[in-house]
C-alpha atoms as a PDB file:
ATOM      1  CA  MET A   1      22.472  -7.096 -25.398  1.00  0.00           C
ATOM      2  CA  ALA A   2      22.086  -5.144 -28.616  1.00  0.00           C
ATOM      3  CA  LEU A   3      23.566  -2.104 -30.325  1.00  0.00           C
ATOM      4  CA  ASN A   4      21.820   0.973 -31.700  1.00  0.00           C
ATOM      5  CA  HIS A   5      23.683   2.657 -34.555  1.00  0.00           C
ATOM      6  CA  MET A   6      23.399   5.993 -32.695  1.00  0.00           C
ATOM      7  CA  THR A   7      25.998   4.763 -30.197  1.00  0.00           C
ATOM      8  CA  VAL A   8      28.610   4.353 -32.939  1.00  0.00           C
ATOM      9  CA  PRO A   9      27.336   6.693 -35.673  1.00  0.00           C
ATOM     10  CA  THR A  10      30.655   6.969 -37.520  1.00  0.00           C
ATOM     11  CA  LEU A  11      30.701   3.248 -38.297  1.00  0.00           C
ATOM     12  CA  SER A  12      29.139   1.861 -41.445  1.00  0.00           C
ATOM     13  CA  ALA A  13      26.153  -0.447 -41.173  1.00  0.00           C
ATOM     14  CA  GLN A  14      28.380  -3.387 -42.043  1.00  0.00           C
ATOM     15  CA  ASP A  15      30.874  -2.429 -39.333  1.00  0.00           C
ATOM     16  CA  VAL A  16      28.060  -2.076 -36.797  1.00  0.00           C
ATOM     17  CA  LEU A  17      27.040  -5.645 -37.544  1.00  0.00           C
ATOM     18  CA  GLY A  18      30.644  -6.787 -37.165  1.00  0.00           C
ATOM     19  CA  LEU A  19      31.045  -4.959 -33.863  1.00  0.00           C
ATOM     20  CA  ALA A  20      27.794  -6.378 -32.538  1.00  0.00           C
ATOM     21  CA  ALA A  21      28.921  -9.893 -33.416  1.00  0.00           C
ATOM     22  CA  ALA A  22      32.320  -9.369 -31.799  1.00  0.00           C
ATOM     23  CA  LEU A  23      30.633  -8.182 -28.589  1.00  0.00           C
ATOM     24  CA  GLY A  24      28.281 -11.156 -28.493  1.00  0.00           C
ATOM     25  CA  CYS A  25      25.201  -8.991 -29.068  1.00  0.00           C
ATOM     26  CA  VAL A  26      22.004 -10.561 -30.345  1.00  0.00           C
ATOM     27  CA  GLY A  27      20.810  -7.640 -32.424  1.00  0.00           C
ATOM     28  CA  VAL A  28      21.255  -4.170 -33.878  1.00  0.00           C
ATOM     29  CA  GLU A  29      19.078  -1.182 -34.730  1.00  0.00           C
ATOM     30  CA  PHE A  30      19.768   0.990 -37.749  1.00  0.00           C
ATOM     31  CA  ARG A  31      18.771   4.633 -38.207  1.00  0.00           C
ATOM     32  CA  ASN A  32      17.762   6.982 -40.984  1.00  0.00           C
ATOM     33  CA  ASP A  33      18.792  10.150 -39.097  1.00  0.00           C
ATOM     34  CA  LEU A  34      22.588   9.956 -39.308  1.00  0.00           C
ATOM     35  CA  ASP A  35      22.994  12.528 -42.110  1.00  0.00           C
ATOM     36  CA  ARG A  36      23.679   9.884 -44.709  1.00  0.00           C
ATOM     37  CA  PRO A  37      21.637   7.262 -46.569  1.00  0.00           C
ATOM     38  CA  LEU A  38      20.406   4.276 -44.616  1.00  0.00           C
ATOM     39  CA  PHE A  39      23.037   1.490 -44.936  1.00  0.00           C
ATOM     40  CA  GLU A  40      25.288   4.036 -46.710  1.00  0.00           C
ATOM     41  CA  GLY A  41      23.792   2.967 -50.019  1.00  0.00           C
ATOM     42  CA  THR A  42      24.425  -0.754 -49.507  1.00  0.00           C
ATOM     43  CA  SER A  43      21.395  -2.774 -50.511  1.00  0.00           C
ATOM     44  CA  ALA A  44      18.991  -3.887 -47.815  1.00  0.00           C
ATOM     45  CA  HIS A  45      19.238  -7.456 -49.119  1.00  0.00           C
ATOM     46  CA  HIS A  46      23.022  -7.437 -48.665  1.00  0.00           C
ATOM     47  CA  ILE A  47      22.631  -6.177 -45.096  1.00  0.00           C
ATOM     48  CA  LYS A  48      20.122  -8.971 -44.456  1.00  0.00           C
ATOM     49  CA  ASP A  49      22.546 -11.595 -45.778  1.00  0.00           C
ATOM     50  CA  LEU A  50      25.411 -10.229 -43.687  1.00  0.00           C
ATOM     51  CA  ALA A  51      23.277 -10.140 -40.542  1.00  0.00           C
ATOM     52  CA  THR A  52      22.153 -13.711 -41.192  1.00  0.00           C
ATOM     53  CA  ASP A  53      25.751 -14.862 -41.646  1.00  0.00           C
ATOM     54  CA  LEU A  54      26.736 -13.201 -38.353  1.00  0.00           C
ATOM     55  CA  GLN A  55      23.614 -14.510 -36.564  1.00  0.00           C
ATOM     56  CA  ILE A  56      22.557 -10.965 -35.657  1.00  0.00           C
ATOM     57  CA  ASP A  57      18.906  -9.907 -35.598  1.00  0.00           C
ATOM     58  CA  ILE A  58      18.007  -6.549 -37.118  1.00  0.00           C
ATOM     59  CA  LEU A  59      15.610  -5.476 -34.406  1.00  0.00           C
ATOM     60  CA  ALA A  60      14.275  -2.243 -35.882  1.00  0.00           C
ATOM     61  CA  LEU A  61      14.815   0.576 -38.312  1.00  0.00           C
ATOM     62  CA  ALA A  62      14.426   4.062 -36.872  1.00  0.00           C
ATOM     63  CA  GLU A  63      12.531   6.176 -37.315  1.00  0.00           C
ATOM     64  CA  VAL A  64       9.118   7.436 -38.351  1.00  0.00           C
ATOM     65  CA  LYS A  65       9.512  10.863 -36.774  1.00  0.00           C
ATOM     66  CA  ALA A  66       6.580  12.641 -35.090  1.00  0.00           C
ATOM     67  CA  PHE A  67       4.312   9.772 -36.124  1.00  0.00           C
ATOM     68  CA  ASN A  68       1.458  11.095 -33.951  1.00  0.00           C
ATOM     69  CA  ASP A  69       1.448  14.611 -35.445  1.00  0.00           C
ATOM     70  CA  ALA A  70      -0.670  14.720 -38.628  1.00  0.00           C
ATOM     71  CA  PRO A  71      -0.029  10.996 -39.110  1.00  0.00           C
ATOM     72  CA  GLU A  72      -1.816  10.904 -42.452  1.00  0.00           C
ATOM     73  CA  THR A  73       1.072  12.967 -43.853  1.00  0.00           C
ATOM     74  CA  LYS A  74       3.651  10.432 -42.595  1.00  0.00           C
ATOM     75  CA  VAL A  75       2.186   7.366 -44.301  1.00  0.00           C
ATOM     76  CA  ALA A  76       4.253   7.522 -47.476  1.00  0.00           C
ATOM     77  CA  ALA A  77       7.569   7.894 -45.651  1.00  0.00           C
ATOM     78  CA  ALA A  78       6.534   5.226 -43.144  1.00  0.00           C
ATOM     79  CA  LYS A  79       5.697   2.770 -45.925  1.00  0.00           C
ATOM     80  CA  ASN A  80       9.088   3.358 -47.552  1.00  0.00           C
ATOM     81  CA  LEU A  81      10.872   2.635 -44.284  1.00  0.00           C
ATOM     82  CA  MET A  82       8.704  -0.427 -43.707  1.00  0.00           C
ATOM     83  CA  LYS A  83       9.550  -1.776 -47.166  1.00  0.00           C
ATOM     84  CA  THR A  84      13.224  -1.400 -46.326  1.00  0.00           C
ATOM     85  CA  ALA A  85      12.589  -3.162 -43.023  1.00  0.00           C
ATOM     86  CA  GLN A  86      11.032  -6.075 -44.892  1.00  0.00           C
ATOM     87  CA  ALA A  87      13.926  -6.209 -47.339  1.00  0.00           C
ATOM     88  CA  CYS A  88      16.615  -6.294 -44.635  1.00  0.00           C
ATOM     89  CA  GLY A  89      14.701  -8.653 -42.370  1.00  0.00           C
ATOM     90  CA  ALA A  90      14.089  -6.179 -39.559  1.00  0.00           C
ATOM     91  CA  HIS A  91      11.410  -6.998 -37.005  1.00  0.00           C
ATOM     92  CA  GLY A  92       9.821  -3.573 -37.350  1.00  0.00           C
ATOM     93  CA  VAL A  93      10.196   0.192 -37.363  1.00  0.00           C
ATOM     94  CA  ALA A  94      10.457   2.761 -34.578  1.00  0.00           C
ATOM     95  CA  LEU A  95       7.568   5.205 -34.198  1.00  0.00           C
ATOM     96  CA  ILE A  96       8.757   8.328 -32.386  1.00  0.00           C
ATOM     97  CA  PRO A  97       6.299  10.917 -31.040  1.00  0.00           C
ATOM     98  CA  ALA A  98       6.560  14.629 -31.613  1.00  0.00           C
ATOM     99  CA  VAL A  99       7.995  16.981 -29.012  1.00  0.00           C
ATOM    100  CA  ALA A 100       5.901  20.150 -28.707  1.00  0.00           C
ATOM    101  CA  CYS A 101       6.813  23.664 -27.613  1.00  0.00           C
ATOM    102  CA  ASP A 102       4.533  23.483 -24.569  1.00  0.00           C
ATOM    103  CA  THR A 103       3.127  20.744 -22.369  1.00  0.00           C
ATOM    104  CA  VAL A 104       0.277  18.733 -23.885  1.00  0.00           C
ATOM    105  CA  ASP A 105      -2.731  17.528 -21.915  1.00  0.00           C
ATOM    106  CA  ARG A 106      -2.637  13.766 -21.420  1.00  0.00           C
ATOM    107  CA  THR A 107      -6.141  13.335 -22.785  1.00  0.00           C
ATOM    108  CA  GLN A 108      -4.970  15.003 -25.975  1.00  0.00           C
ATOM    109  CA  GLN A 109      -1.861  12.806 -25.991  1.00  0.00           C
ATOM    110  CA  ARG A 110      -4.033   9.680 -25.911  1.00  0.00           C
ATOM    111  CA  TYR A 111      -6.358  11.036 -28.601  1.00  0.00           C
ATOM    112  CA  ALA A 112      -3.453  11.767 -30.953  1.00  0.00           C
ATOM    113  CA  LEU A 113      -1.924   8.362 -30.258  1.00  0.00           C
ATOM    114  CA  ARG A 114      -5.182   6.526 -30.930  1.00  0.00           C
ATOM    115  CA  ASN A 115      -5.667   8.423 -34.185  1.00  0.00           C
ATOM    116  CA  ALA A 116      -2.148   7.579 -35.358  1.00  0.00           C
ATOM    117  CA  LEU A 117      -2.341   3.919 -34.392  1.00  0.00           C
ATOM    118  CA  ASN A 118      -5.619   3.501 -36.263  1.00  0.00           C
ATOM    119  CA  ILE A 119      -3.804   4.724 -39.377  1.00  0.00           C
ATOM    120  CA  PHE A 120      -0.666   2.618 -38.974  1.00  0.00           C
ATOM    121  CA  GLN A 121      -2.203  -0.606 -37.659  1.00  0.00           C
ATOM    122  CA  PRO A 122      -3.497  -1.962 -40.985  1.00  0.00           C
ATOM    123  CA  ILE A 123      -0.240  -1.064 -42.734  1.00  0.00           C
ATOM    124  CA  LEU A 124       1.941  -2.821 -40.167  1.00  0.00           C
ATOM    125  CA  THR A 125      -0.382  -5.803 -40.051  1.00  0.00           C
ATOM    126  CA  ASP A 126      -0.364  -6.163 -43.818  1.00  0.00           C
ATOM    127  CA  MET A 127       3.447  -5.979 -43.893  1.00  0.00           C
ATOM    128  CA  ASN A 128       3.850  -8.301 -40.885  1.00  0.00           C
ATOM    129  CA  LEU A 129       5.950  -5.764 -38.989  1.00  0.00           C
ATOM    130  CA  ILE A 130       5.997  -4.331 -35.475  1.00  0.00           C
ATOM    131  CA  GLY A 131       5.652  -0.646 -34.718  1.00  0.00           C
ATOM    132  CA  PHE A 132       7.990  -0.006 -31.788  1.00  0.00           C
ATOM    133  CA  ILE A 133       6.558   3.053 -30.032  1.00  0.00           C
ATOM    134  CA  GLU A 134       8.868   4.990 -27.729  1.00  0.00           C
ATOM    135  CA  PRO A 135       7.280   7.363 -25.220  1.00  0.00           C
ATOM    136  CA  LEU A 136       9.616  10.327 -24.670  1.00  0.00           C
ATOM    137  CA  GLY A 137      10.001  11.580 -21.121  1.00  0.00           C
ATOM    138  CA  PHE A 138      10.580  15.235 -21.968  1.00  0.00           C
ATOM    139  CA  GLU A 139       8.078  17.573 -20.318  1.00  0.00           C
ATOM    140  CA  THR A 140       6.740  18.739 -23.692  1.00  0.00           C
ATOM    141  CA  SER A 141       6.532  15.281 -25.246  1.00  0.00           C
ATOM    142  CA  THR A 142       3.263  14.506 -27.022  1.00  0.00           C
ATOM    143  CA  LEU A 143       3.462  10.912 -25.729  1.00  0.00           C
ATOM    144  CA  ARG A 144       5.192  10.968 -22.373  1.00  0.00           C
ATOM    145  CA  HIS A 145       3.831   8.130 -20.244  1.00  0.00           C
ATOM    146  CA  LYS A 146       3.696   4.395 -20.842  1.00  0.00           C
ATOM    147  CA  ASP A 147       0.448   4.236 -18.846  1.00  0.00           C
ATOM    148  CA  ASP A 148      -1.265   6.301 -21.555  1.00  0.00           C
ATOM    149  CA  MET A 149       0.063   4.055 -24.284  1.00  0.00           C
ATOM    150  CA  ALA A 150      -1.033   0.926 -22.399  1.00  0.00           C
ATOM    151  CA  LEU A 151      -4.519   2.375 -21.967  1.00  0.00           C
ATOM    152  CA  VAL A 152      -4.907   3.148 -25.669  1.00  0.00           C
ATOM    153  CA  LEU A 153      -3.561  -0.259 -26.681  1.00  0.00           C
ATOM    154  CA  ALA A 154      -5.984  -1.965 -24.298  1.00  0.00           C
ATOM    155  CA  GLU A 155      -8.878  -0.017 -25.825  1.00  0.00           C
ATOM    156  CA  MET A 156      -7.742  -1.291 -29.239  1.00  0.00           C
ATOM    157  CA  GLY A 157      -7.568  -4.892 -28.029  1.00  0.00           C
ATOM    158  CA  ASN A 158      -3.756  -4.894 -27.674  1.00  0.00           C
ATOM    159  CA  PRO A 159      -2.918  -5.420 -31.364  1.00  0.00           C
ATOM    160  CA  ILE A 160       0.211  -7.510 -31.766  1.00  0.00           C
ATOM    161  CA  CYS A 161       1.697  -5.082 -34.295  1.00  0.00           C
ATOM    162  CA  PHE A 162       2.500  -2.509 -31.581  1.00  0.00           C
ATOM    163  CA  LYS A 163       5.088  -2.777 -28.826  1.00  0.00           C
ATOM    164  CA  ILE A 164       6.491  -0.302 -26.309  1.00  0.00           C
ATOM    165  CA  VAL A 165      10.129   0.734 -26.313  1.00  0.00           C
ATOM    166  CA  HIS A 166      11.208   1.102 -22.700  1.00  0.00           C
ATOM    167  CA  ASP A 167      13.996   3.681 -22.716  1.00  0.00           C
ATOM    168  CA  THR A 168      15.765   3.937 -19.361  1.00  0.00           C
ATOM    169  CA  PHE A 169      16.554   7.629 -19.910  1.00  0.00           C
ATOM    170  CA  HIS A 170      13.000   8.569 -20.842  1.00  0.00           C
ATOM    171  CA  HIS A 171      11.540   6.372 -18.085  1.00  0.00           C
ATOM    172  CA  HIS A 172      13.587   8.366 -15.572  1.00  0.00           C
ATOM    173  CA  LEU A 173      12.589  11.728 -17.056  1.00  0.00           C
ATOM    174  CA  SER A 174       8.889  10.888 -17.163  1.00  0.00           C
ATOM    175  CA  GLY A 175       8.697   9.857 -13.537  1.00  0.00           C
ATOM    176  CA  ASP A 176       6.864   6.695 -14.583  1.00  0.00           C
ATOM    177  CA  THR A 177       6.701   3.896 -12.051  1.00  0.00           C
ATOM    178  CA  ALA A 178       4.866   1.250 -14.117  1.00  0.00           C
ATOM    179  CA  PHE A 179       6.924  -0.861 -16.532  1.00  0.00           C
ATOM    180  CA  HIS A 180       4.350  -2.723 -18.678  1.00  0.00           C
ATOM    181  CA  ALA A 181       6.833  -5.489 -19.425  1.00  0.00           C
ATOM    182  CA  ASP A 182       4.132  -7.519 -21.161  1.00  0.00           C
ATOM    183  CA  LEU A 183       3.778  -4.785 -23.794  1.00  0.00           C
ATOM    184  CA  THR A 184       7.500  -4.106 -24.138  1.00  0.00           C
ATOM    185  CA  GLY A 185       9.223  -5.201 -27.316  1.00  0.00           C
ATOM    186  CA  LEU A 186      12.573  -3.468 -26.967  1.00  0.00           C
ATOM    187  CA  VAL A 187      14.642  -1.711 -24.300  1.00  0.00           C
ATOM    188  CA  HIS A 188      17.042   1.184 -24.858  1.00  0.00           C
ATOM    189  CA  ILE A 189      19.775   1.746 -22.306  1.00  0.00           C
ATOM    190  CA  SER A 190      22.085   4.660 -21.666  1.00  0.00           C
ATOM    191  CA  GLY A 191      23.539   6.179 -18.533  1.00  0.00           C
ATOM    192  CA  ILE A 192      24.020   9.661 -17.167  1.00  0.00           C
ATOM    193  CA  THR A 193      27.129  10.114 -15.061  1.00  0.00           C
ATOM    194  CA  ASP A 194      27.409  13.909 -15.067  1.00  0.00           C
ATOM    195  CA  PRO A 195      26.451  14.923 -11.505  1.00  0.00           C
ATOM    196  CA  ASN A 196      25.367  18.434 -12.469  1.00  0.00           C
ATOM    197  CA  PRO A 197      22.096  18.352 -14.448  1.00  0.00           C
ATOM    198  CA  LYS A 198      18.878  18.017 -12.496  1.00  0.00           C
ATOM    199  CA  THR A 199      16.381  15.547 -13.916  1.00  0.00           C
ATOM    200  CA  GLN A 200      14.475  18.231 -15.854  1.00  0.00           C
ATOM    201  CA  GLU A 201      17.798  19.440 -17.309  1.00  0.00           C
ATOM    202  CA  MET A 202      18.939  16.049 -18.581  1.00  0.00           C
ATOM    203  CA  ALA A 203      19.271  15.878 -22.352  1.00  0.00           C
ATOM    204  CA  ASP A 204      20.330  13.442 -25.043  1.00  0.00           C
ATOM    205  CA  ALA A 205      23.823  14.937 -25.025  1.00  0.00           C
ATOM    206  CA  HIS A 206      24.316  13.639 -21.472  1.00  0.00           C
ATOM    207  CA  ARG A 207      23.623  10.007 -22.432  1.00  0.00           C
ATOM    208  CA  VAL A 208      26.721   7.829 -22.105  1.00  0.00           C
ATOM    209  CA  LEU A 209      27.506   4.167 -21.478  1.00  0.00           C
ATOM    210  CA  VAL A 210      26.275   2.597 -18.249  1.00  0.00           C
ATOM    211  CA  ASP A 211      28.816   2.245 -15.447  1.00  0.00           C
ATOM    212  CA  THR A 212      29.124   2.567 -11.672  1.00  0.00           C
ATOM    213  CA  GLU A 213      28.322   6.303 -11.786  1.00  0.00           C
ATOM    214  CA  ASP A 214      24.979   5.871 -13.570  1.00  0.00           C
ATOM    215  CA  ARG A 215      22.235   8.127 -12.188  1.00  0.00           C
ATOM    216  CA  LEU A 216      19.349   6.572 -14.116  1.00  0.00           C
ATOM    217  CA  GLY A 217      19.226   3.236 -12.326  1.00  0.00           C
ATOM    218  CA  ASN A 218      19.644   1.167 -15.480  1.00  0.00           C
ATOM    219  CA  VAL A 219      20.360  -2.040 -13.594  1.00  0.00           C
ATOM    220  CA  ILE A 220      17.351  -1.487 -11.335  1.00  0.00           C
ATOM    221  CA  GLN A 221      15.114  -0.854 -14.340  1.00  0.00           C
ATOM    222  CA  LEU A 222      16.395  -3.915 -16.181  1.00  0.00           C
ATOM    223  CA  LYS A 223      15.918  -6.056 -13.107  1.00  0.00           C
ATOM    224  CA  ALA A 224      12.314  -4.849 -12.767  1.00  0.00           C
ATOM    225  CA  LEU A 225      11.585  -5.576 -16.427  1.00  0.00           C
ATOM    226  CA  ARG A 226      13.077  -9.058 -16.160  1.00  0.00           C
ATOM    227  CA  SER A 227      11.173  -9.835 -12.975  1.00  0.00           C
ATOM    228  CA  GLN A 228       7.958  -8.910 -14.781  1.00  0.00           C
ATOM    229  CA  GLY A 229       8.679 -11.183 -17.737  1.00  0.00           C
ATOM    230  CA  TYR A 230      10.633  -9.161 -20.289  1.00  0.00           C
ATOM    231  CA  ALA A 231      13.191 -11.455 -21.909  1.00  0.00           C
ATOM    232  CA  GLY A 232      14.208  -9.383 -24.928  1.00  0.00           C
ATOM    233  CA  PRO A 233      17.379  -7.417 -25.654  1.00  0.00           C
ATOM    234  CA  ALA A 234      18.638  -4.195 -24.097  1.00  0.00           C
ATOM    235  CA  SER A 235      20.106  -1.979 -26.803  1.00  0.00           C
ATOM    236  CA  PHE A 236      22.764   0.668 -26.187  1.00  0.00           C
ATOM    237  CA  GLU A 237      21.498   4.034 -27.433  1.00  0.00           C
ATOM    238  CA  CYS A 238      23.973   6.762 -26.484  1.00  0.00           C
ATOM    239  CA  PHE A 239      23.940  10.305 -27.841  1.00  0.00           C
ATOM    240  CA  ALA A 240      26.807  11.995 -25.975  1.00  0.00           C
ATOM    241  CA  PRO A 241      29.505  13.496 -28.223  1.00  0.00           C
ATOM    242  CA  ASP A 242      32.209  11.842 -26.104  1.00  0.00           C
ATOM    243  CA  ILE A 243      30.702   8.450 -26.855  1.00  0.00           C
ATOM    244  CA  HIS A 244      30.437   9.224 -30.560  1.00  0.00           C
ATOM    245  CA  ALA A 245      34.116  10.180 -30.558  1.00  0.00           C
ATOM    246  CA  MET A 246      35.319   6.913 -28.989  1.00  0.00           C
ATOM    247  CA  THR A 247      38.410   5.540 -30.718  1.00  0.00           C
ATOM    248  CA  ASP A 248      37.937   2.069 -29.240  1.00  0.00           C
ATOM    249  CA  PRO A 249      34.195   1.519 -28.910  1.00  0.00           C
ATOM    250  CA  ALA A 250      34.577  -2.265 -28.672  1.00  0.00           C
ATOM    251  CA  THR A 251      36.532  -2.085 -25.420  1.00  0.00           C
ATOM    252  CA  ALA A 252      34.266   0.567 -23.892  1.00  0.00           C
ATOM    253  CA  LEU A 253      31.099  -1.316 -24.818  1.00  0.00           C
ATOM    254  CA  ALA A 254      32.497  -4.626 -23.581  1.00  0.00           C
ATOM    255  CA  LYS A 255      33.273  -3.004 -20.223  1.00  0.00           C
ATOM    256  CA  SER A 256      29.738  -1.626 -19.931  1.00  0.00           C
ATOM    257  CA  ILE A 257      28.213  -4.957 -20.937  1.00  0.00           C
ATOM    258  CA  ALA A 258      30.296  -6.716 -18.280  1.00  0.00           C
ATOM    259  CA  PHE A 259      29.195  -4.193 -15.642  1.00  0.00           C
ATOM    260  CA  ILE A 260      25.524  -4.598 -16.476  1.00  0.00           C
ATOM    261  CA  THR A 261      25.491  -8.373 -16.776  1.00  0.00           C
ATOM    262  CA  SER A 262      27.521  -8.911 -13.614  1.00  0.00           C
ATOM    263  CA  ASN A 263      25.216  -6.650 -11.619  1.00  0.00           C
ATOM    264  CA  LEU A 264      22.108  -8.303 -13.007  1.00  0.00           C
ATOM    265  CA  SER A 265      23.553 -11.709 -12.148  1.00  0.00           C
ATOM    266  CA  ALA A 266      24.489 -10.550  -8.654  1.00  0.00           C
ATOM    267  CA  GLN A 267      21.018  -9.202  -7.998  1.00  0.00           C
ATOM    268  CA  ALA A 268      19.416 -12.361  -9.396  1.00  0.00           C
ATOM    269  CA  ALA A 269      21.498 -14.612  -7.132  1.00  0.00           C
END
């Protein structure tokens, strides 16, 4: 298991690493969209040393926002984030597609993706980093389906510098049925327990920890990914205000981890 800083946004980067270690997590993801400087001004080299001491991998830094919308204008910011990723020892950076005002034709989605990847591929390759690309399941996403990403990557010869982020929330919203475990480099998990929103009404603010009331089928999705060969971490990425306001995140996260792992073990038996 792993921990995305969005789940515990009030904690410092150093405290996130400490919490992850206490929970037995293998990795963390840090973010540049928490209304404060990345690492709260602590040097990337210090964060790398602390993570090494705690035996925690820094999986990714998020995010290069709207990377597929006028990508040539995102190169400078992307390079800065990538340099920080190198300095802290992160495996790569998250590339997040734009969300439009209206639905976007899938042919156009693939065209925009291909254009962006052609720009970012040489940069990532030169810096020996992975671009973790997360299709968003919202109806107006400009990269909604993993099938489209897999097709574009295949046309490019499946460059090793790009991996899919399988997000259980966005997988549910998109209606995707294919998993593409062989292309997956990271998994984001969160649950929705509110019985009221229909699928098309589900939003980030509904995303909580995974428990018995989960409507997204997190355990089913994780089982499918594992059966198809994915052996990497599943990282908690929760956006709900109630989760952000937790006074004892360690206990709540430990309970969710126990629920997930016990159910995966039961289904594997």
